[in-house]
Amino acid sequence: MTTPPLAPDAQRHLEESIASVREALTGLRFGTVALTVHEGRVVQIDVTEKKRLKPS
């Protein structure tokens, strides 16, 4: 099954969204990356990082 090609502005938004997700993942060892999507477009990326502390 193939999908129809995207309009140029939608393709650009998709590429920018993917780049933003990659950036959010860079260096993240533990945590979550959550995407908020409205009408098929990524409108928000939330990154929550967890840092493990060694017991003293």
PDB file of N, CA and C in Angstrom:
ATOM      1  N   MET A   1       0.841  -1.176   0.000  1.00  0.00           N
ATOM      2  CA  MET A   1       0.000   0.000   0.000  1.00  0.00           C
ATOM      3  C   MET A   1       0.889   1.242   0.000  1.00  0.00           C
ATOM      4  N   THR A   2       0.647   2.140  -0.906  1.00  0.00           N
ATOM      5  CA  THR A   2       1.432   3.364  -0.980  1.00  0.00           C
ATOM      6  C   THR A   2       0.580   4.549  -0.558  1.00  0.00           C
ATOM      7  N   THR A   3       1.253   5.571  -0.068  1.00  0.00           N
ATOM      8  CA  THR A   3       0.539   6.791   0.318  1.00  0.00           C
ATOM      9  C   THR A   3       0.761   7.844  -0.753  1.00  0.00           C
ATOM     10  N   PRO A   4      -0.213   8.719  -0.949  1.00  0.00           N
ATOM     11  CA  PRO A   4      -0.043   9.765  -1.956  1.00  0.00           C
ATOM     12  C   PRO A   4       1.039  10.751  -1.518  1.00  0.00           C
ATOM     13  N   PRO A   5       1.700  11.398  -2.474  1.00  0.00           N
ATOM     14  CA  PRO A   5       2.745  12.363  -2.118  1.00  0.00           C
ATOM     15  C   PRO A   5       2.149  13.547  -1.348  1.00  0.00           C
ATOM     16  N   LEU A   6       2.968  14.113  -0.455  1.00  0.00           N
ATOM     17  CA  LEU A   6       2.532  15.255   0.343  1.00  0.00           C
ATOM     18  C   LEU A   6       2.716  16.553  -0.432  1.00  0.00           C
ATOM     19  N   ALA A   7       1.923  17.544  -0.075  1.00  0.00           N
ATOM     20  CA  ALA A   7       2.113  18.886  -0.627  1.00  0.00           C
ATOM     21  C   ALA A   7       3.469  19.402  -0.142  1.00  0.00           C
ATOM     22  N   PRO A   8       4.095  20.306  -0.886  1.00  0.00           N
ATOM     23  CA  PRO A   8       5.438  20.781  -0.498  1.00  0.00           C
ATOM     24  C   PRO A   8       5.515  21.336   0.925  1.00  0.00           C
ATOM     25  N   ASP A   9       4.517  22.103   1.361  1.00  0.00           N
ATOM     26  CA  ASP A   9       4.573  22.655   2.720  1.00  0.00           C
ATOM     27  C   ASP A   9       4.400  21.559   3.767  1.00  0.00           C
ATOM     28  N   ALA A  10       3.579  20.563   3.485  1.00  0.00           N
ATOM     29  CA  ALA A  10       3.396  19.443   4.409  1.00  0.00           C
ATOM     30  C   ALA A  10       4.666  18.599   4.477  1.00  0.00           C
ATOM     31  N   GLN A  11       5.333  18.410   3.349  1.00  0.00           N
ATOM     32  CA  GLN A  11       6.590  17.660   3.318  1.00  0.00           C
ATOM     33  C   GLN A  11       7.655  18.387   4.135  1.00  0.00           C
ATOM     34  N   ARG A  12       7.741  19.706   3.981  1.00  0.00           N
ATOM     35  CA  ARG A  12       8.715  20.497   4.733  1.00  0.00           C
ATOM     36  C   ARG A  12       8.439  20.403   6.235  1.00  0.00           C
ATOM     37  N   HIS A  13       7.155  20.507   6.628  1.00  0.00           N
ATOM     38  CA  HIS A  13       6.784  20.399   8.043  1.00  0.00           C
ATOM     39  C   HIS A  13       7.163  19.019   8.587  1.00  0.00           C
ATOM     40  N   LEU A  14       6.914  17.975   7.818  1.00  0.00           N
ATOM     41  CA  LEU A  14       7.260  16.617   8.236  1.00  0.00           C
ATOM     42  C   LEU A  14       8.764  16.483   8.455  1.00  0.00           C
ATOM     43  N   GLU A  15       9.560  16.988   7.529  1.00  0.00           N
ATOM     44  CA  GLU A  15      11.016  16.911   7.651  1.00  0.00           C
ATOM     45  C   GLU A  15      11.516  17.698   8.859  1.00  0.00           C
ATOM     46  N   GLU A  16      10.928  18.884   9.106  1.00  0.00           N
ATOM     47  CA  GLU A  16      11.310  19.687  10.271  1.00  0.00           C
ATOM     48  C   GLU A  16      10.919  18.977  11.565  1.00  0.00           C
ATOM     49  N   SER A  17       9.764  18.328  11.560  1.00  0.00           N
ATOM     50  CA  SER A  17       9.314  17.598  12.747  1.00  0.00           C
ATOM     51  C   SER A  17      10.243  16.434  13.053  1.00  0.00           C
ATOM     52  N   ILE A  18      10.632  15.700  12.027  1.00  0.00           N
ATOM     53  CA  ILE A  18      11.549  14.573  12.217  1.00  0.00           C
ATOM     54  C   ILE A  18      12.892  15.067  12.747  1.00  0.00           C
ATOM     55  N   ALA A  19      13.381  16.184  12.209  1.00  0.00           N
ATOM     56  CA  ALA A  19      14.643  16.749  12.691  1.00  0.00           C
ATOM     57  C   ALA A  19      14.526  17.169  14.152  1.00  0.00           C
ATOM     58  N   SER A  20      13.400  17.725  14.544  1.00  0.00           N
ATOM     59  CA  SER A  20      13.191  18.137  15.934  1.00  0.00           C
ATOM     60  C   SER A  20      13.139  16.935  16.868  1.00  0.00           C
ATOM     61  N   VAL A  21      12.517  15.853  16.432  1.00  0.00           N
ATOM     62  CA  VAL A  21      12.464  14.636  17.250  1.00  0.00           C
ATOM     63  C   VAL A  21      13.868  14.052  17.394  1.00  0.00           C
ATOM     64  N   ARG A  22      14.627  14.030  16.324  1.00  0.00           N
ATOM     65  CA  ARG A  22      16.012  13.537  16.402  1.00  0.00           C
ATOM     66  C   ARG A  22      16.825  14.366  17.397  1.00  0.00           C
ATOM     67  N   GLU A  23      16.658  15.678  17.336  1.00  0.00           N
ATOM     68  CA  GLU A  23      17.364  16.573  18.254  1.00  0.00           C
ATOM     69  C   GLU A  23      16.963  16.290  19.702  1.00  0.00           C
ATOM     70  N   ALA A  24      15.674  16.060  19.932  1.00  0.00           N
ATOM     71  CA  ALA A  24      15.188  15.766  21.283  1.00  0.00           C
ATOM     72  C   ALA A  24      15.778  14.459  21.805  1.00  0.00           C
ATOM     73  N   LEU A  25      16.000  13.498  20.930  1.00  0.00           N
ATOM     74  CA  LEU A  25      16.532  12.198  21.336  1.00  0.00           C
ATOM     75  C   LEU A  25      18.045  12.203  21.550  1.00  0.00           C
ATOM     76  N   THR A  26      18.724  13.161  20.950  1.00  0.00           N
ATOM     77  CA  THR A  26      20.178  13.211  21.043  1.00  0.00           C
ATOM     78  C   THR A  26      20.599  13.430  22.493  1.00  0.00           C
ATOM     79  N   GLY A  27      21.382  12.523  22.994  1.00  0.00           N
ATOM     80  CA  GLY A  27      21.900  12.643  24.352  1.00  0.00           C
ATOM     81  C   GLY A  27      20.941  12.209  25.444  1.00  0.00           C
ATOM     82  N   LEU A  28      19.733  11.837  25.104  1.00  0.00           N
ATOM     83  CA  LEU A  28      18.756  11.395  26.104  1.00  0.00           C
ATOM     84  C   LEU A  28      19.040   9.936  26.446  1.00  0.00           C
ATOM     85  N   ARG A  29      19.373   9.669  27.710  1.00  0.00           N
ATOM     86  CA  ARG A  29      19.664   8.293  28.124  1.00  0.00           C
ATOM     87  C   ARG A  29      18.442   7.629  28.728  1.00  0.00           C
ATOM     88  N   PHE A  30      17.732   8.342  29.605  1.00  0.00           N
ATOM     89  CA  PHE A  30      16.527   7.818  30.246  1.00  0.00           C
ATOM     90  C   PHE A  30      15.472   8.914  30.197  1.00  0.00           C
ATOM     91  N   GLY A  31      14.271   8.579  29.799  1.00  0.00           N
ATOM     92  CA  GLY A  31      13.209   9.574  29.785  1.00  0.00           C
ATOM     93  C   GLY A  31      12.196   9.298  28.697  1.00  0.00           C
ATOM     94  N   THR A  32      11.416  10.328  28.400  1.00  0.00           N
ATOM     95  CA  THR A  32      10.371  10.195  27.386  1.00  0.00           C
ATOM     96  C   THR A  32      10.386  11.384  26.434  1.00  0.00           C
ATOM     97  N   VAL A  33       9.940  11.121  25.220  1.00  0.00           N
ATOM     98  CA  VAL A  33       9.694  12.162  24.232  1.00  0.00           C
ATOM     99  C   VAL A  33       8.245  11.983  23.802  1.00  0.00           C
ATOM    100  N   ALA A  34       7.422  13.008  24.024  1.00  0.00           N
ATOM    101  CA  ALA A  34       5.995  12.936  23.692  1.00  0.00           C
ATOM    102  C   ALA A  34       5.681  13.955  22.609  1.00  0.00           C
ATOM    103  N   LEU A  35       4.944  13.514  21.600  1.00  0.00           N
ATOM    104  CA  LEU A  35       4.535  14.396  20.509  1.00  0.00           C
ATOM    105  C   LEU A  35       3.063  14.736  20.657  1.00  0.00           C
ATOM    106  N   THR A  36       2.732  16.002  20.438  1.00  0.00           N
ATOM    107  CA  THR A  36       1.340  16.431  20.383  1.00  0.00           C
ATOM    108  C   THR A  36       1.027  16.734  18.926  1.00  0.00           C
ATOM    109  N   VAL A  37      -0.012  16.096  18.415  1.00  0.00           N
ATOM    110  CA  VAL A  37      -0.376  16.228  17.003  1.00  0.00           C
ATOM    111  C   VAL A  37      -1.784  16.798  16.903  1.00  0.00           C
ATOM    112  N   HIS A  38      -1.946  17.837  16.105  1.00  0.00           N
ATOM    113  CA  HIS A  38      -3.258  18.419  15.821  1.00  0.00           C
ATOM    114  C   HIS A  38      -3.458  18.399  14.315  1.00  0.00           C
ATOM    115  N   GLU A  39      -4.547  17.809  13.892  1.00  0.00           N
ATOM    116  CA  GLU A  39      -4.906  17.748  12.471  1.00  0.00           C
ATOM    117  C   GLU A  39      -3.752  17.225  11.615  1.00  0.00           C
ATOM    118  N   GLY A  40      -3.087  16.187  12.125  1.00  0.00           N
ATOM    119  CA  GLY A  40      -2.043  15.532  11.350  1.00  0.00           C
ATOM    120  C   GLY A  40      -0.694  16.220  11.357  1.00  0.00           C
ATOM    121  N   ARG A  41      -0.528  17.276  12.147  1.00  0.00           N
ATOM    122  CA  ARG A  41       0.735  18.007  12.196  1.00  0.00           C
ATOM    123  C   ARG A  41       1.270  18.018  13.622  1.00  0.00           C
ATOM    124  N   VAL A  42       2.571  17.806  13.764  1.00  0.00           N
ATOM    125  CA  VAL A  42       3.200  17.880  15.080  1.00  0.00           C
ATOM    126  C   VAL A  42       3.233  19.347  15.497  1.00  0.00           C
ATOM    127  N   VAL A  43       2.651  19.632  16.665  1.00  0.00           N
ATOM    128  CA  VAL A  43       2.605  21.016  17.138  1.00  0.00           C
ATOM    129  C   VAL A  43       3.410  21.217  18.418  1.00  0.00           C
ATOM    130  N   GLN A  44       3.804  20.121  19.070  1.00  0.00           N
ATOM    131  CA  GLN A  44       4.541  20.257  20.324  1.00  0.00           C
ATOM    132  C   GLN A  44       5.347  18.993  20.576  1.00  0.00           C
ATOM    133  N   ILE A  45       6.558  19.179  21.111  1.00  0.00           N
ATOM    134  CA  ILE A  45       7.407  18.068  21.522  1.00  0.00           C
ATOM    135  C   ILE A  45       7.796  18.309  22.969  1.00  0.00           C
ATOM    136  N   ASP A  46       7.452  17.359  23.841  1.00  0.00           N
ATOM    137  CA  ASP A  46       7.805  17.438  25.259  1.00  0.00           C
ATOM    138  C   ASP A  46       8.872  16.394  25.556  1.00  0.00           C
ATOM    139  N   VAL A  47       9.944  16.831  26.213  1.00  0.00           N
ATOM    140  CA  VAL A  47      11.022  15.925  26.594  1.00  0.00           C
ATOM    141  C   VAL A  47      11.107  15.912  28.113  1.00  0.00           C
ATOM    142  N   THR A  48      11.048  14.726  28.685  1.00  0.00           N
ATOM    143  CA  THR A  48      11.226  14.544  30.121  1.00  0.00           C
ATOM    144  C   THR A  48      12.438  13.649  30.317  1.00  0.00           C
ATOM    145  N   GLU A  49      13.448  14.181  30.987  1.00  0.00           N
ATOM    146  CA  GLU A  49      14.672  13.415  31.211  1.00  0.00           C
ATOM    147  C   GLU A  49      14.729  12.967  32.662  1.00  0.00           C
ATOM    148  N   LYS A  50      15.106  11.719  32.856  1.00  0.00           N
ATOM    149  CA  LYS A  50      15.282  11.180  34.202  1.00  0.00           C
ATOM    150  C   LYS A  50      16.770  11.034  34.462  1.00  0.00           C
ATOM    151  N   LYS A  51      17.191  11.477  35.619  1.00  0.00           N
ATOM    152  CA  LYS A  51      18.589  11.335  36.015  1.00  0.00           C
ATOM    153  C   LYS A  51      18.643  10.411  37.211  1.00  0.00           C
ATOM    154  N   ARG A  52      19.425   9.371  37.096  1.00  0.00           N
ATOM    155  CA  ARG A  52      19.582   8.400  38.173  1.00  0.00           C
ATOM    156  C   ARG A  52      20.699   8.881  39.100  1.00  0.00           C
ATOM    157  N   LEU A  53      20.391   8.968  40.382  1.00  0.00           N
ATOM    158  CA  LEU A  53      21.379   9.375  41.368  1.00  0.00           C
ATOM    159  C   LEU A  53      21.884   8.139  42.103  1.00  0.00           C
ATOM    160  N   LYS A  54      23.179   8.110  42.343  1.00  0.00           N
ATOM    161  CA  LYS A  54      23.761   6.988  43.082  1.00  0.00           C
ATOM    162  C   LYS A  54      23.458   7.172  44.566  1.00  0.00           C
ATOM    163  N   PRO A  55      23.121   6.085  45.253  1.00  0.00           N
ATOM    164  CA  PRO A  55      22.868   6.212  46.693  1.00  0.00           C
ATOM    165  C   PRO A  55      24.146   6.606  47.433  1.00  0.00           C
ATOM    166  N   SER A  56      23.991   7.402  48.477  1.00  0.00           N
ATOM    167  CA  SER A  56      25.179   7.844  49.229  1.00  0.00           C
ATOM    168  C   SER A  56      25.502   6.930  50.384  1.00  0.00           C
TER     169      SER A  56
END
